[in-house]
Protein backbone atom coordinates (compact mmCIF):
# COMPACT_ATOMS: atom_id res chain seq x y z
CA MET A 1 73.17 103.98 217.88
CA SER A 2 73.04 107.03 215.60
CA ILE A 3 70.10 105.53 213.68
CA PHE A 4 68.24 104.89 216.93
CA LEU A 5 68.82 108.46 218.16
CA THR A 6 67.72 109.84 214.80
CA ILE A 7 64.49 107.82 214.88
CA VAL A 8 63.75 108.90 218.46
CA GLY A 9 64.49 112.52 217.55
CA VAL A 10 62.15 112.44 214.55
CA LEU A 11 59.38 110.86 216.64
CA ILE A 12 59.73 113.56 219.34
CA ILE A 13 59.54 116.30 216.69
CA ILE A 14 56.44 114.72 215.14
CA LEU A 15 54.87 114.36 218.59
CA GLY A 16 55.30 118.06 219.30
CA LEU A 17 54.20 119.22 215.84
CA GLN A 18 51.06 117.09 215.80
CA ASP A 19 50.05 118.58 219.15
CA VAL A 20 50.61 122.08 217.76
CA PHE A 21 48.54 121.21 214.69
CA HIS A 22 45.60 119.78 216.63
CA THR A 23 45.64 122.62 219.17
CA LEU A 24 45.91 125.55 216.77
CA PHE A 25 44.86 124.44 213.30
CA HIS A 26 42.32 121.67 213.79
CA PRO A 27 39.29 123.12 215.62
CA ALA A 28 37.44 119.80 215.65
CA LYS A 29 40.19 118.10 217.68
CA ALA A 30 42.25 119.46 220.58
CA GLY A 31 45.82 118.51 221.32
CA ASP A 32 45.87 115.50 223.64
CA ILE A 33 49.22 116.40 225.21
CA SER A 34 48.47 120.09 225.68
CA ASP A 35 45.09 119.21 227.24
CA ALA A 36 46.80 116.78 229.60
CA ILE A 37 49.37 119.41 230.61
CA ALA A 38 46.69 122.01 231.29
CA GLY A 39 44.56 119.53 233.23
CA ARG A 40 47.43 118.40 235.45
CA ILE A 41 48.46 121.99 236.21
CA TRP A 42 44.83 122.83 237.08
CA ARG A 43 44.61 119.89 239.49
CA LEU A 44 48.02 120.77 240.97
CA PHE A 45 46.86 124.30 241.76
CA HIS A 46 43.60 122.91 243.15
CA ALA A 47 45.49 120.64 245.53
CA ALA A 48 48.48 122.77 246.48
CA MET A 49 47.55 126.43 245.87
CA PRO A 50 43.75 126.82 245.67
CA ARG A 51 43.93 130.53 246.46
CA ALA A 52 46.17 131.07 243.44
CA LEU A 53 43.85 129.25 241.04
CA SER A 54 43.74 132.27 238.73
CA PHE A 55 47.41 131.56 237.86
CA ALA A 56 46.65 128.02 236.64
CA GLY A 57 45.57 129.08 233.14
CA PRO A 58 48.54 131.38 232.42
CA VAL A 59 51.00 128.80 233.79
CA ALA A 60 49.38 126.09 231.66
CA PHE A 61 49.66 128.29 228.57
CA VAL A 62 53.37 128.91 229.17
CA MET A 63 54.08 125.24 229.88
CA ILE A 64 52.31 124.09 226.70
CA VAL A 65 54.33 126.49 224.55
CA PHE A 66 57.47 125.38 226.41
CA PHE A 67 56.63 121.73 225.63
CA TRP A 68 56.24 122.54 221.94
CA ALA A 69 59.59 124.33 221.83
CA ALA A 70 61.33 121.66 223.92
CA SER A 71 60.08 118.84 221.68
CA ILE A 72 61.61 120.54 218.63
CA VAL A 73 64.90 121.42 220.36
CA ILE A 74 65.39 117.98 221.93
CA GLY A 75 64.30 116.17 218.77
CA PHE A 76 66.81 117.98 216.56
CA ALA A 77 69.49 117.68 219.25
CA LEU A 78 69.12 113.90 219.18
CA ILE A 79 69.57 113.95 215.41
CA LEU A 80 72.66 116.19 215.63
CA PHE A 81 74.33 114.50 218.59
CA PRO A 82 75.87 111.53 216.68
CA LEU A 83 77.37 114.00 214.17
CA LEU A 84 79.28 116.01 216.77
CA PRO A 85 81.94 117.19 216.71
CA GLY A 86 83.43 115.65 213.57
CA GLY A 87 80.54 116.51 211.28
CA PHE A 88 80.75 120.21 212.08
CA SER A 89 83.20 123.00 211.50
CA PHE A 90 83.52 125.60 214.23
CA ALA A 91 84.35 129.28 214.14
CA GLU A 92 87.67 130.43 215.54
CA GLY A 93 87.63 130.52 219.31
CA LEU A 94 85.20 127.62 219.73
CA SER A 95 86.58 124.34 221.04
CA PRO A 96 85.09 121.32 219.21
CA GLY A 97 85.70 119.25 222.32
CA HIS A 98 83.06 121.23 224.19
CA TYR A 99 80.42 119.92 221.78
CA ARG A 100 81.03 116.20 222.32
CA SER A 101 78.22 116.01 224.88
CA PHE A 102 74.46 116.09 224.41
CA LEU A 103 74.50 119.54 226.02
CA GLY A 104 76.50 120.75 223.05
CA ALA A 105 73.90 119.31 220.67
CA LEU A 106 71.19 121.07 222.66
CA ASP A 107 73.11 124.34 222.38
CA ILE A 108 73.35 124.07 218.59
CA SER A 109 69.70 123.00 218.27
CA LEU A 110 68.48 125.84 220.48
CA SER A 111 70.48 128.40 218.53
CA SER A 112 68.98 127.07 215.28
CA LEU A 113 65.46 127.33 216.70
CA MET A 114 66.10 130.94 217.73
CA SER A 115 67.76 131.87 214.40
CA LEU A 116 71.03 132.58 216.18
CA SER A 117 74.43 131.40 214.94
CA ILE A 118 76.95 130.25 217.53
CA GLY A 119 79.60 129.54 214.92
CA ALA A 120 78.94 125.81 214.44
CA TYR A 121 78.17 124.73 210.86
CA SER A 122 77.48 121.27 209.50
CA LYS A 123 79.80 119.94 206.79
CA ASN A 124 76.82 118.07 205.35
CA LEU A 125 74.57 120.25 203.21
CA LEU A 126 71.51 118.13 204.05
CA VAL A 127 72.08 118.57 207.79
CA GLN A 128 72.59 122.30 207.32
CA PHE A 129 69.33 122.42 205.40
CA MET A 130 67.64 120.54 208.25
CA MET A 131 68.90 123.15 210.70
CA GLY A 132 67.35 125.80 208.48
CA ILE A 133 64.03 123.96 208.73
CA GLU A 134 64.34 124.05 212.52
CA CYS A 135 64.86 127.80 212.27
CA MET A 136 61.65 128.11 210.26
CA LEU A 137 59.79 125.97 212.79
CA GLY A 138 61.01 128.22 215.58
CA PHE A 139 59.74 131.33 213.84
CA GLY A 140 56.44 129.61 213.06
CA LEU A 141 56.08 128.45 216.67
CA LEU A 142 56.62 131.98 217.98
CA THR A 143 54.03 133.36 215.57
CA ALA A 144 51.56 130.59 216.39
CA ALA A 145 51.94 131.10 220.15
CA VAL A 146 51.27 134.83 219.87
CA SER A 147 48.30 134.23 217.57
CA TRP A 148 46.91 131.60 219.96
CA LEU A 149 47.19 134.02 222.87
CA LEU A 150 45.38 136.76 220.94
CA SER A 151 42.70 134.29 219.82
CA ILE A 152 41.69 133.19 223.32
CA TYR A 153 41.16 136.69 224.74
CA PRO A 154 37.84 137.17 222.88
CA VAL A 155 36.72 133.87 224.41
CA PHE A 156 37.31 135.30 227.90
CA GLU A 157 35.46 138.47 226.97
CA HIS A 158 32.38 136.63 225.68
CA ARG A 159 32.22 134.35 228.72
CA LYS A 160 32.76 137.14 231.25
CA SER A 161 30.27 139.44 229.53
CA LEU A 162 27.58 136.76 229.59
CA ALA A 163 28.25 135.99 233.26
CA HIS A 164 28.19 139.67 234.21
CA GLU A 165 24.92 140.29 232.37
CA VAL A 166 23.30 137.27 234.02
CA THR A 167 24.62 138.36 237.43
CA LEU A 168 23.04 141.81 237.03
CA LEU A 169 19.72 140.22 236.01
CA HIS A 170 19.84 137.99 239.08
CA PHE A 171 20.50 141.05 241.25
CA ALA A 172 17.48 142.81 239.75
CA GLU A 173 15.28 139.79 240.53
CA ALA A 174 16.69 139.13 244.00
CA ALA A 175 16.42 142.79 244.99
CA GLY A 176 12.85 142.94 243.77
CA VAL A 177 13.56 145.60 241.16
CA ARG A 178 11.89 143.58 238.40
CA ARG A 179 10.99 139.90 238.17
CA LEU A 180 10.98 137.92 234.94
CA GLU A 181 7.46 136.72 235.66
CA ASP A 182 6.29 140.34 235.43
CA ILE A 183 7.60 141.14 231.95
CA SER A 184 5.76 140.46 228.71
CA ASP A 185 6.20 137.27 226.71
CA GLU A 186 7.73 139.26 223.85
CA ASN A 187 10.39 140.87 226.06
CA LEU A 188 11.09 137.58 227.80
CA HIS A 189 11.54 135.88 224.43
CA GLU A 190 14.16 138.45 223.36
CA LEU A 191 15.98 138.19 226.69
CA LEU A 192 16.16 134.41 226.83
CA GLN A 193 16.97 134.12 223.14
CA GLY A 194 19.93 136.47 223.66
CA PHE A 195 21.20 134.41 226.60
CA ALA A 196 20.86 131.18 224.60
CA ALA A 197 22.81 132.63 221.66
CA GLN A 198 25.60 133.86 223.93
CA LEU A 199 25.84 130.56 225.79
CA ILE A 200 25.96 128.60 222.51
CA THR A 201 28.82 130.87 221.41
CA CYS A 202 30.65 130.26 224.69
CA ARG A 203 30.15 126.51 224.34
CA ASN A 204 31.54 126.38 220.80
CA GLU A 205 34.49 128.63 221.71
CA LEU A 206 35.31 126.42 224.69
CA SER A 207 35.26 123.40 222.40
CA GLN A 208 37.71 125.10 220.06
CA PHE A 209 39.93 126.57 222.80
CA PRO A 210 39.81 124.10 225.73
CA ILE A 211 42.60 125.89 227.58
CA THR A 212 40.20 128.76 228.34
CA TYR A 213 38.43 126.52 230.87
CA TYR A 214 41.50 126.73 233.09
CA PHE A 215 41.49 130.53 233.25
CA HIS A 216 39.75 131.21 236.54
CA GLU A 217 38.03 134.57 237.11
CA ASP A 218 38.81 136.29 240.39
CA GLU A 219 35.60 138.33 240.25
CA THR A 220 32.45 136.51 241.26
CA GLU A 221 30.35 138.74 239.00
CA THR A 222 32.12 137.53 235.86
CA SER A 223 32.34 133.82 236.69
CA LEU A 224 29.98 131.73 234.57
CA ALA A 225 30.49 128.69 236.81
CA GLY A 226 28.57 130.38 239.62
CA VAL A 227 25.66 131.95 237.71
CA LEU A 228 25.00 129.18 235.17
CA PRO A 229 22.56 127.49 237.63
CA TYR A 230 20.52 130.70 237.58
CA LEU A 231 20.28 130.48 233.78
CA ALA A 232 19.17 126.87 234.11
CA ASP A 233 16.52 127.89 236.68
CA ILE A 234 14.99 130.67 234.61
CA ALA A 235 14.93 128.38 231.58
CA GLY A 236 12.99 125.77 233.58
CA GLN A 237 10.67 128.30 235.20
CA ASN A 238 9.62 129.81 231.88
CA ALA A 239 9.49 126.73 229.65
CA ASN A 240 5.68 126.66 229.98
CA ARG A 241 5.20 130.28 228.97
CA ALA A 242 3.05 130.77 225.91
CA GLY A 243 4.37 131.33 222.41
CA ALA A 244 7.93 132.30 221.58
CA ALA A 245 8.85 132.94 225.22
CA GLY A 246 8.37 129.29 226.13
CA LEU A 247 10.27 128.20 223.02
CA SER A 248 13.22 130.48 223.90
CA ALA A 249 13.23 129.09 227.44
CA THR A 250 13.39 125.56 226.05
CA VAL A 251 16.25 126.52 223.72
CA LEU A 252 18.10 128.11 226.65
CA GLY A 253 17.67 124.95 228.70
CA GLY A 254 19.08 122.91 225.83
CA ALA A 255 22.03 125.29 225.51
CA VAL A 256 22.73 124.90 229.24
CA ASP A 257 22.67 121.12 228.94
CA ASP A 258 24.94 121.11 225.87
CA TYR A 259 27.42 123.35 227.68
CA LEU A 260 27.39 121.10 230.73
CA LYS A 261 27.84 117.95 228.63
CA LEU A 262 31.01 119.44 227.17
CA ILE A 263 32.22 120.42 230.64
CA ALA A 264 31.51 116.95 232.06
CA ARG A 265 33.12 115.06 229.18
CA SER A 266 36.18 117.21 228.55
CA PHE A 267 37.09 118.72 231.92
CA LEU A 268 35.37 116.92 234.79
CA ASN A 269 36.06 113.42 233.38
CA ARG A 270 32.62 112.16 234.31
CA PRO A 271 29.42 111.27 232.47
CA PHE A 272 26.55 113.72 232.24
CA THR A 273 24.30 112.28 234.93
CA SER A 274 21.96 115.19 235.60
CA ARG A 275 21.93 118.94 235.10
CA ASP A 276 22.13 119.72 238.82
CA ASP A 277 25.01 117.31 239.45
CA ILE A 278 27.19 118.83 236.74
CA LEU A 279 26.23 122.39 237.74
CA ARG A 280 27.46 121.69 241.27
CA ALA A 281 30.62 119.97 240.05
CA PHE A 282 31.38 122.83 237.64
CA ALA A 283 30.90 125.46 240.34
CA SER A 284 32.99 123.46 242.80
CA ASP A 285 35.79 123.03 240.27
CA HIS A 286 35.97 126.81 239.93
CA GLN A 287 35.48 127.44 243.65
CA ARG A 288 32.18 129.26 243.21
CA LYS A 289 28.96 129.28 245.18
CA ILE A 290 25.90 128.38 243.17
CA VAL A 291 23.51 131.22 242.35
CA ARG A 292 19.86 130.15 242.01
CA ALA A 293 16.77 131.97 240.84
CA PRO A 294 14.49 133.39 243.51
CA GLY A 295 11.30 131.41 244.02
CA ARG A 296 8.16 132.38 242.23
CA ARG A 297 5.85 134.68 244.12
CA PRO A 298 2.43 133.23 244.92
CA LYS A 299 -0.30 134.67 242.73
CA ALA A 300 -3.08 136.61 244.37
CA ALA A 301 -6.34 134.76 244.74
């Protein structure tokens, strides 16, 4: 029985650590378990609390870190449980009988993870060394969680800044302040090239930090899900412009499609059928109304 519990404990620890590794240290591959946790929490908020969707991302972040910590604590507790209480010496005032249960093993494992001593020490040097490793894993997990949190904030900033800039441009066009069809090819080239570069950055950051998809913006002005159709429209409207302007519009259209392909594959669980279909699904998933480009004005005869 002790061998079985030890094997199960080691497997649980490996399961948690491999998810940490893929999520934080392997940009080309996300953690399957952490992605599943975030996705389920997102769908739960969608179904039960759609008005509180902005809490889905933070809750998912906390639950993923909790899973990582729980996998280490439970895994080591399963390894320690067969050794209790006879394999440990206890400080004065502690009753060894209280540590005969799995709860006692959890208590010792949790204290090791948090670098706290409760007065229970293994008589086996190898086991004591293993508890020291758990302590190191706990410190590393805390550091990694804080670093992960700090790493995803720039992703929010880049995405929200792009969305806000595009929203302001749409306002200028819709209000008749200035239309893109009225500006020079050179200025249009610089504008569309800047949008394409920002969107490519957002796409690559989303690929590296998938959890950022589940952070919903309360402000319409900073939600990329709503204004991305406008970017797609202006890319299509200007693809036939002469010179570099038309090339930049084509690049922007490709950047939109690449972003939507990632969204469809990784978050909507559907194939990329058409640009418009995924744009609508993306906006619906984030509870946003689609923003489209105003129609072209007829040219004077």
